[in-house]
Amino acid sequence: MTGRRIVLVQGAWGSSASWTPVTDLLRGMGHQVFVPSLTGLGERIHLFSGAINLDTHIGDVAGLIEAEGLDDFDLVGHSYGGMVITGVADRFSSRIRTLIYLDAFLPSDGQSALDLLGPEIALANLAAAGELGGVAVPPPARHATHVPEHLRHYMTGRSPHPFATMIQKLRLTGAHETIAKRLYVSANIDQAALFSGIYKRLSADPGWMSMKVPSGHMLQLEMPDEVARIIHEFIG
């Protein structure tokens, strides 16, 4: 298999560094890997503002695609990154070979991240945002529970997540659904109802491939070798 061009999109609160172990492995397999940073998070926390919304983060990835002239590429998103890659895929469907969701949000037209999280978690996020002036949600305390000690430094510097990204409803044309090869990877340790529900639905959908892995939510850091292998084999 010749090397592919892969775009990896991070989840909430973290940085693009969460992909570093997987990125290194995929590059070692001969792939060209791009890891855009999302505005206001991680290494771009200095750009934080209450005006950052979902369109901002979709624009971050779209800007990389245009700047690099990417075509016939593979798009991967983790967690909140599923909101981002769905919007990107709807805009660039003709240029994307495969879509991979790693324990990620999978919105429909008109849905926001808070819509998908459900009322109890949504209310908790609203309260947390209120404590930070209504513009950001602090990172959860237990997010890195299962990450091995030698990889935990990739979780440092986690920052509050712009709240407007969670409440903006994603508008879709349906073009993203024309991408024929799609995979949903679900973690199965301490699994949130949101992600297990998406997995259950997609496992019965012939338009999707789906699988479970023995990992917690931060699977790209908990089992980077397996995640790299899954991506490598699926895009082949």
C-alpha atoms as a PDB file:
ATOM      1  CA  MET A   1       0.000   0.000   0.000  1.00  0.00           C
ATOM      2  CA  THR A   2       1.301   3.446  -0.895  1.00  0.00           C
ATOM      3  CA  GLY A   3       1.295   6.103   1.800  1.00  0.00           C
ATOM      4  CA  ARG A   4      -1.927   8.056   2.273  1.00  0.00           C
ATOM      5  CA  ARG A   5      -2.590  11.605   3.351  1.00  0.00           C
ATOM      6  CA  ILE A   6      -4.342  11.667   6.712  1.00  0.00           C
ATOM      7  CA  VAL A   7      -5.846  14.544   8.697  1.00  0.00           C
ATOM      8  CA  LEU A   8      -6.287  13.964  12.445  1.00  0.00           C
ATOM      9  CA  VAL A   9      -8.595  16.234  14.469  1.00  0.00           C
ATOM     10  CA  GLN A  10      -8.411  16.522  18.258  1.00  0.00           C
ATOM     11  CA  GLY A  11     -11.185  16.493  20.833  1.00  0.00           C
ATOM     12  CA  ALA A  12     -12.211  19.106  23.409  1.00  0.00           C
ATOM     13  CA  TRP A  13      -9.960  20.664  26.039  1.00  0.00           C
ATOM     14  CA  GLY A  14      -6.714  19.236  24.700  1.00  0.00           C
ATOM     15  CA  SER A  15      -4.254  19.964  21.951  1.00  0.00           C
ATOM     16  CA  SER A  16      -3.059  18.415  18.735  1.00  0.00           C
ATOM     17  CA  ALA A  17      -0.280  16.838  20.838  1.00  0.00           C
ATOM     18  CA  SER A  18      -2.745  14.156  21.915  1.00  0.00           C
ATOM     19  CA  TRP A  19      -2.182  12.646  18.471  1.00  0.00           C
ATOM     20  CA  THR A  20       1.641  12.620  18.623  1.00  0.00           C
ATOM     21  CA  PRO A  21       2.161   8.893  19.386  1.00  0.00           C
ATOM     22  CA  VAL A  22      -0.294   7.865  16.637  1.00  0.00           C
ATOM     23  CA  THR A  23       1.128  10.439  14.232  1.00  0.00           C
ATOM     24  CA  ASP A  24       4.658   9.080  14.728  1.00  0.00           C
ATOM     25  CA  LEU A  25       3.473   5.535  14.091  1.00  0.00           C
ATOM     26  CA  LEU A  26       1.498   6.438  10.963  1.00  0.00           C
ATOM     27  CA  ARG A  27       4.430   8.392   9.529  1.00  0.00           C
ATOM     28  CA  GLY A  28       6.611   5.381  10.221  1.00  0.00           C
ATOM     29  CA  MET A  29       4.194   3.388   8.053  1.00  0.00           C
ATOM     30  CA  GLY A  30       4.810   5.803   5.196  1.00  0.00           C
ATOM     31  CA  HIS A  31       1.773   8.051   5.525  1.00  0.00           C
ATOM     32  CA  GLN A  32       1.736  11.843   5.319  1.00  0.00           C
ATOM     33  CA  VAL A  33      -0.081  13.065   8.432  1.00  0.00           C
ATOM     34  CA  PHE A  34      -1.528  16.510   9.172  1.00  0.00           C
ATOM     35  CA  VAL A  35      -2.685  17.521  12.658  1.00  0.00           C
ATOM     36  CA  PRO A  36      -4.334  20.955  12.645  1.00  0.00           C
ATOM     37  CA  SER A  37      -4.516  22.860  15.917  1.00  0.00           C
ATOM     38  CA  LEU A  38      -7.929  24.175  16.928  1.00  0.00           C
ATOM     39  CA  THR A  39      -8.172  27.857  17.797  1.00  0.00           C
ATOM     40  CA  GLY A  40      -8.181  28.647  21.510  1.00  0.00           C
ATOM     41  CA  LEU A  41      -6.990  25.197  22.617  1.00  0.00           C
ATOM     42  CA  GLY A  42      -3.613  23.706  23.526  1.00  0.00           C
ATOM     43  CA  GLU A  43      -0.770  25.481  21.753  1.00  0.00           C
ATOM     44  CA  ARG A  44      -3.280  28.056  20.450  1.00  0.00           C
ATOM     45  CA  ILE A  45      -4.757  28.936  23.847  1.00  0.00           C
ATOM     46  CA  HIS A  46      -3.365  32.449  23.446  1.00  0.00           C
ATOM     47  CA  LEU A  47      -6.041  32.979  20.775  1.00  0.00           C
ATOM     48  CA  PHE A  48      -8.910  32.072  23.097  1.00  0.00           C
ATOM     49  CA  SER A  49     -12.020  34.227  22.986  1.00  0.00           C
ATOM     50  CA  GLY A  50     -15.708  33.809  23.641  1.00  0.00           C
ATOM     51  CA  ALA A  51     -16.333  34.282  19.922  1.00  0.00           C
ATOM     52  CA  ILE A  52     -14.756  30.928  18.989  1.00  0.00           C
ATOM     53  CA  ASN A  53     -17.504  28.615  17.782  1.00  0.00           C
ATOM     54  CA  LEU A  54     -17.877  25.392  15.815  1.00  0.00           C
ATOM     55  CA  ASP A  55     -17.500  27.261  12.534  1.00  0.00           C
ATOM     56  CA  THR A  56     -14.121  28.527  13.780  1.00  0.00           C
ATOM     57  CA  HIS A  57     -12.834  24.986  14.311  1.00  0.00           C
ATOM     58  CA  ILE A  58     -14.279  23.716  11.034  1.00  0.00           C
ATOM     59  CA  GLY A  59     -12.502  26.662   9.431  1.00  0.00           C
ATOM     60  CA  ASP A  60      -9.206  25.661  11.078  1.00  0.00           C
ATOM     61  CA  VAL A  61      -9.319  22.277   9.361  1.00  0.00           C
ATOM     62  CA  ALA A  62     -10.692  23.672   6.107  1.00  0.00           C
ATOM     63  CA  GLY A  63      -7.843  26.184   6.036  1.00  0.00           C
ATOM     64  CA  LEU A  64      -5.264  23.416   6.362  1.00  0.00           C
ATOM     65  CA  ILE A  65      -6.926  21.406   3.589  1.00  0.00           C
ATOM     66  CA  GLU A  66      -6.863  24.385   1.253  1.00  0.00           C
ATOM     67  CA  ALA A  67      -3.340  25.505   2.186  1.00  0.00           C
ATOM     68  CA  GLU A  68      -1.910  22.008   1.666  1.00  0.00           C
ATOM     69  CA  GLY A  69      -4.008  21.381  -1.435  1.00  0.00           C
ATOM     70  CA  LEU A  70      -5.257  18.115   0.032  1.00  0.00           C
ATOM     71  CA  ASP A  71      -7.299  15.822  -2.182  1.00  0.00           C
ATOM     72  CA  ASP A  72      -8.105  12.120  -1.904  1.00  0.00           C
ATOM     73  CA  PHE A  73      -7.300  12.193   1.815  1.00  0.00           C
ATOM     74  CA  ASP A  74      -8.526  10.405   4.944  1.00  0.00           C
ATOM     75  CA  LEU A  75     -10.176  12.313   7.797  1.00  0.00           C
ATOM     76  CA  VAL A  76     -10.157  11.179  11.436  1.00  0.00           C
ATOM     77  CA  GLY A  77     -11.757  12.829  14.472  1.00  0.00           C
ATOM     78  CA  HIS A  78     -11.763  12.055  18.184  1.00  0.00           C
ATOM     79  CA  SER A  79     -14.582  12.938  20.599  1.00  0.00           C
ATOM     80  CA  TYR A  80     -15.662  16.573  20.012  1.00  0.00           C
ATOM     81  CA  GLY A  81     -13.574  16.335  16.842  1.00  0.00           C
ATOM     82  CA  GLY A  82     -16.499  14.368  15.407  1.00  0.00           C
ATOM     83  CA  MET A  83     -18.489  17.603  15.315  1.00  0.00           C
ATOM     84  CA  VAL A  84     -15.641  19.242  13.418  1.00  0.00           C
ATOM     85  CA  ILE A  85     -14.960  16.489  10.891  1.00  0.00           C
ATOM     86  CA  THR A  86     -18.666  16.124  10.102  1.00  0.00           C
ATOM     87  CA  GLY A  87     -18.798  19.787   9.142  1.00  0.00           C
ATOM     88  CA  VAL A  88     -15.551  19.474   7.185  1.00  0.00           C
ATOM     89  CA  ALA A  89     -16.752  16.329   5.409  1.00  0.00           C
ATOM     90  CA  ASP A  90     -19.968  18.046   4.379  1.00  0.00           C
ATOM     91  CA  ARG A  91     -17.898  20.804   2.761  1.00  0.00           C
ATOM     92  CA  PHE A  92     -15.151  18.640   1.207  1.00  0.00           C
ATOM     93  CA  SER A  93     -16.957  15.360   0.539  1.00  0.00           C
ATOM     94  CA  SER A  94     -15.591  14.994  -2.996  1.00  0.00           C
ATOM     95  CA  ARG A  95     -12.001  15.222  -1.709  1.00  0.00           C
ATOM     96  CA  ILE A  96     -12.252  12.765   1.204  1.00  0.00           C
ATOM     97  CA  ARG A  97     -11.572   9.037   0.762  1.00  0.00           C
ATOM     98  CA  THR A  98     -12.568   7.771   4.202  1.00  0.00           C
ATOM     99  CA  LEU A  99     -14.031   9.033   7.468  1.00  0.00           C
ATOM    100  CA  ILE A 100     -13.051   7.599  10.856  1.00  0.00           C
ATOM    101  CA  TYR A 101     -14.748   8.559  14.123  1.00  0.00           C
ATOM    102  CA  LEU A 102     -12.842   7.561  17.271  1.00  0.00           C
ATOM    103  CA  ASP A 103     -15.318   7.538  20.161  1.00  0.00           C
ATOM    104  CA  ALA A 104     -16.655  10.702  18.608  1.00  0.00           C
ATOM    105  CA  PHE A 105     -19.761  12.838  18.278  1.00  0.00           C
ATOM    106  CA  LEU A 106     -21.775  12.145  15.137  1.00  0.00           C
ATOM    107  CA  PRO A 107     -24.254  15.003  14.666  1.00  0.00           C
ATOM    108  CA  SER A 108     -27.169  15.273  12.299  1.00  0.00           C
ATOM    109  CA  ASP A 109     -28.249  18.482  10.638  1.00  0.00           C
ATOM    110  CA  GLY A 110     -29.337  21.062  13.210  1.00  0.00           C
ATOM    111  CA  GLN A 111     -27.699  19.385  16.213  1.00  0.00           C
ATOM    112  CA  SER A 112     -25.166  20.855  18.615  1.00  0.00           C
ATOM    113  CA  ALA A 113     -22.759  19.027  20.905  1.00  0.00           C
ATOM    114  CA  LEU A 114     -24.992  19.855  23.875  1.00  0.00           C
ATOM    115  CA  ASP A 115     -27.987  18.423  22.016  1.00  0.00           C
ATOM    116  CA  LEU A 116     -26.125  15.129  21.687  1.00  0.00           C
ATOM    117  CA  LEU A 117     -24.881  15.062  25.275  1.00  0.00           C
ATOM    118  CA  GLY A 118     -28.392  14.970  26.711  1.00  0.00           C
ATOM    119  CA  PRO A 119     -30.065  17.178  29.320  1.00  0.00           C
ATOM    120  CA  GLU A 120     -28.183  16.082  32.458  1.00  0.00           C
ATOM    121  CA  ILE A 121     -24.684  16.517  31.005  1.00  0.00           C
ATOM    122  CA  ALA A 122     -25.783  19.596  29.101  1.00  0.00           C
ATOM    123  CA  LEU A 123     -26.957  21.264  32.311  1.00  0.00           C
ATOM    124  CA  ALA A 124     -23.655  20.394  34.004  1.00  0.00           C
ATOM    125  CA  ASN A 125     -21.758  21.984  31.127  1.00  0.00           C
ATOM    126  CA  LEU A 126     -23.970  25.057  31.286  1.00  0.00           C
ATOM    127  CA  ALA A 127     -23.225  25.399  35.000  1.00  0.00           C
ATOM    128  CA  ALA A 128     -19.497  24.923  34.455  1.00  0.00           C
ATOM    129  CA  ALA A 129     -19.523  27.526  31.699  1.00  0.00           C
ATOM    130  CA  GLY A 130     -21.293  29.921  34.031  1.00  0.00           C
ATOM    131  CA  GLU A 131     -18.443  29.597  36.508  1.00  0.00           C
ATOM    132  CA  LEU A 132     -16.047  30.733  33.756  1.00  0.00           C
ATOM    133  CA  GLY A 133     -18.116  33.706  32.700  1.00  0.00           C
ATOM    134  CA  GLY A 134     -20.250  31.711  30.286  1.00  0.00           C
ATOM    135  CA  VAL A 135     -17.536  31.542  27.633  1.00  0.00           C
ATOM    136  CA  ALA A 136     -15.749  28.257  28.399  1.00  0.00           C
ATOM    137  CA  VAL A 137     -16.167  24.823  30.005  1.00  0.00           C
ATOM    138  CA  PRO A 138     -13.339  23.543  32.260  1.00  0.00           C
ATOM    139  CA  PRO A 139     -11.773  20.156  31.457  1.00  0.00           C
ATOM    140  CA  PRO A 140     -13.168  17.151  33.347  1.00  0.00           C
ATOM    141  CA  ALA A 141     -11.031  15.900  36.220  1.00  0.00           C
ATOM    142  CA  ARG A 142     -11.053  12.200  35.215  1.00  0.00           C
ATOM    143  CA  HIS A 143     -10.395  12.580  31.503  1.00  0.00           C
ATOM    144  CA  ALA A 144      -6.979  10.840  31.530  1.00  0.00           C
ATOM    145  CA  THR A 145      -7.729   8.034  33.978  1.00  0.00           C
ATOM    146  CA  HIS A 146      -6.557   5.207  31.695  1.00  0.00           C
ATOM    147  CA  VAL A 147      -3.676   6.928  29.890  1.00  0.00           C
ATOM    148  CA  PRO A 148      -0.329   5.191  30.649  1.00  0.00           C
ATOM    149  CA  GLU A 149       2.042   7.171  32.833  1.00  0.00           C
ATOM    150  CA  HIS A 150       4.690   7.525  30.117  1.00  0.00           C
ATOM    151  CA  LEU A 151       2.170   9.209  27.797  1.00  0.00           C
ATOM    152  CA  ARG A 152       0.454  11.485  30.296  1.00  0.00           C
ATOM    153  CA  HIS A 153       2.627  14.453  29.416  1.00  0.00           C
ATOM    154  CA  TYR A 154       0.580  14.670  26.213  1.00  0.00           C
ATOM    155  CA  MET A 155      -2.388  15.532  28.429  1.00  0.00           C
ATOM    156  CA  THR A 156      -0.714  18.463  30.163  1.00  0.00           C
ATOM    157  CA  GLY A 157      -1.782  21.984  29.397  1.00  0.00           C
ATOM    158  CA  ARG A 158      -5.416  21.038  28.961  1.00  0.00           C
ATOM    159  CA  SER A 159      -7.417  24.203  28.657  1.00  0.00           C
ATOM    160  CA  PRO A 160     -11.029  25.343  29.075  1.00  0.00           C
ATOM    161  CA  HIS A 161     -13.061  24.657  25.941  1.00  0.00           C
ATOM    162  CA  PRO A 162     -14.875  27.514  24.156  1.00  0.00           C
ATOM    163  CA  PHE A 163     -18.533  27.161  25.097  1.00  0.00           C
ATOM    164  CA  ALA A 164     -19.873  28.574  21.830  1.00  0.00           C
ATOM    165  CA  THR A 165     -18.500  25.505  20.020  1.00  0.00           C
ATOM    166  CA  MET A 166     -20.818  23.333  22.108  1.00  0.00           C
ATOM    167  CA  ILE A 167     -24.021  25.277  21.587  1.00  0.00           C
ATOM    168  CA  GLN A 168     -23.734  26.092  17.886  1.00  0.00           C
ATOM    169  CA  LYS A 169     -25.997  23.858  15.816  1.00  0.00           C
ATOM    170  CA  LEU A 170     -24.269  22.284  12.836  1.00  0.00           C
ATOM    171  CA  ARG A 171     -25.890  22.884   9.469  1.00  0.00           C
ATOM    172  CA  LEU A 172     -25.359  20.093   6.947  1.00  0.00           C
ATOM    173  CA  THR A 173     -26.305  19.605   3.317  1.00  0.00           C
ATOM    174  CA  GLY A 174     -25.985  15.820   3.480  1.00  0.00           C
ATOM    175  CA  ALA A 175     -22.950  15.745   1.184  1.00  0.00           C
ATOM    176  CA  HIS A 176     -20.887  14.071   3.939  1.00  0.00           C
ATOM    177  CA  GLU A 177     -23.121  11.004   3.684  1.00  0.00           C
ATOM    178  CA  THR A 178     -21.905  10.381   0.129  1.00  0.00           C
ATOM    179  CA  ILE A 179     -18.480   9.323   1.470  1.00  0.00           C
ATOM    180  CA  ALA A 180     -18.765   5.579   1.014  1.00  0.00           C
ATOM    181  CA  LYS A 181     -16.130   4.305   3.443  1.00  0.00           C
ATOM    182  CA  ARG A 182     -16.885   5.231   7.058  1.00  0.00           C
ATOM    183  CA  LEU A 183     -15.774   3.672  10.346  1.00  0.00           C
ATOM    184  CA  TYR A 184     -16.883   4.218  13.934  1.00  0.00           C
ATOM    185  CA  VAL A 185     -14.515   2.995  16.665  1.00  0.00           C
ATOM    186  CA  SER A 186     -16.035   2.765  20.127  1.00  0.00           C
ATOM    187  CA  ALA A 187     -14.141   2.442  23.408  1.00  0.00           C
ATOM    188  CA  ASN A 188     -15.667   0.020  25.907  1.00  0.00           C
ATOM    189  CA  ILE A 189     -14.150   1.020  29.279  1.00  0.00           C
ATOM    190  CA  ASP A 190     -16.171   3.528  31.333  1.00  0.00           C
ATOM    191  CA  GLN A 191     -18.071   4.240  28.138  1.00  0.00           C
ATOM    192  CA  ALA A 192     -20.382   7.257  27.983  1.00  0.00           C
ATOM    193  CA  ALA A 193     -23.963   6.579  26.926  1.00  0.00           C
ATOM    194  CA  LEU A 194     -23.579   9.021  24.032  1.00  0.00           C
ATOM    195  CA  PHE A 195     -20.819   7.057  22.318  1.00  0.00           C
ATOM    196  CA  SER A 196     -22.194   3.601  23.110  1.00  0.00           C
ATOM    197  CA  GLY A 197     -25.527   4.728  21.659  1.00  0.00           C
ATOM    198  CA  ILE A 198     -23.897   5.919  18.440  1.00  0.00           C
ATOM    199  CA  TYR A 199     -21.983   2.646  18.163  1.00  0.00           C
ATOM    200  CA  LYS A 200     -25.143   0.578  18.681  1.00  0.00           C
ATOM    201  CA  ARG A 201     -26.973   2.509  15.976  1.00  0.00           C
ATOM    202  CA  LEU A 202     -24.148   2.358  13.445  1.00  0.00           C
ATOM    203  CA  SER A 203     -23.405  -1.322  14.050  1.00  0.00           C
ATOM    204  CA  ALA A 204     -26.826  -2.021  12.505  1.00  0.00           C
ATOM    205  CA  ASP A 205     -26.276   0.371   9.591  1.00  0.00           C
ATOM    206  CA  PRO A 206     -24.890  -1.293   6.427  1.00  0.00           C
ATOM    207  CA  GLY A 207     -23.435   2.043   5.342  1.00  0.00           C
ATOM    208  CA  TRP A 208     -20.941   1.968   8.221  1.00  0.00           C
ATOM    209  CA  MET A 209     -18.219  -0.267   9.572  1.00  0.00           C
ATOM    210  CA  SER A 210     -17.976  -0.288  13.355  1.00  0.00           C
ATOM    211  CA  MET A 211     -15.851  -1.878  16.031  1.00  0.00           C
ATOM    212  CA  LYS A 212     -15.166  -1.822  19.764  1.00  0.00           C
ATOM    213  CA  VAL A 213     -11.724  -1.634  21.345  1.00  0.00           C
ATOM    214  CA  PRO A 214     -10.643  -2.357  24.955  1.00  0.00           C
ATOM    215  CA  SER A 215      -9.892   1.244  25.882  1.00  0.00           C
ATOM    216  CA  GLY A 216     -11.179   4.263  27.720  1.00  0.00           C
ATOM    217  CA  HIS A 217     -12.173   7.441  25.909  1.00  0.00           C
ATOM    218  CA  MET A 218      -8.628   8.703  25.181  1.00  0.00           C
ATOM    219  CA  LEU A 219      -7.916   5.687  23.001  1.00  0.00           C
ATOM    220  CA  GLN A 220      -5.280   7.432  20.841  1.00  0.00           C
ATOM    221  CA  LEU A 221      -3.128   7.753  23.990  1.00  0.00           C
ATOM    222  CA  GLU A 222      -4.262   4.621  25.795  1.00  0.00           C
ATOM    223  CA  MET A 223      -3.545   2.308  22.871  1.00  0.00           C
ATOM    224  CA  PRO A 224      -1.726   4.279  20.138  1.00  0.00           C
ATOM    225  CA  ASP A 225      -0.307   1.178  18.423  1.00  0.00           C
ATOM    226  CA  GLU A 226      -3.771  -0.290  17.987  1.00  0.00           C
ATOM    227  CA  VAL A 227      -5.298   3.006  16.845  1.00  0.00           C
ATOM    228  CA  ALA A 228      -2.530   3.471  14.266  1.00  0.00           C
ATOM    229  CA  ARG A 229      -3.059  -0.091  13.055  1.00  0.00           C
ATOM    230  CA  ILE A 230      -6.824   0.398  12.753  1.00  0.00           C
ATOM    231  CA  ILE A 231      -6.391   3.598  10.749  1.00  0.00           C
ATOM    232  CA  HIS A 232      -3.673   2.051   8.546  1.00  0.00           C
ATOM    233  CA  GLU A 233      -5.733  -1.033   7.722  1.00  0.00           C
ATOM    234  CA  PHE A 234      -9.013   0.814   7.182  1.00  0.00           C
ATOM    235  CA  ILE A 235      -7.642   3.370   4.741  1.00  0.00           C
ATOM    236  CA  GLY A 236      -5.698   0.756   2.775  1.00  0.00           C
END
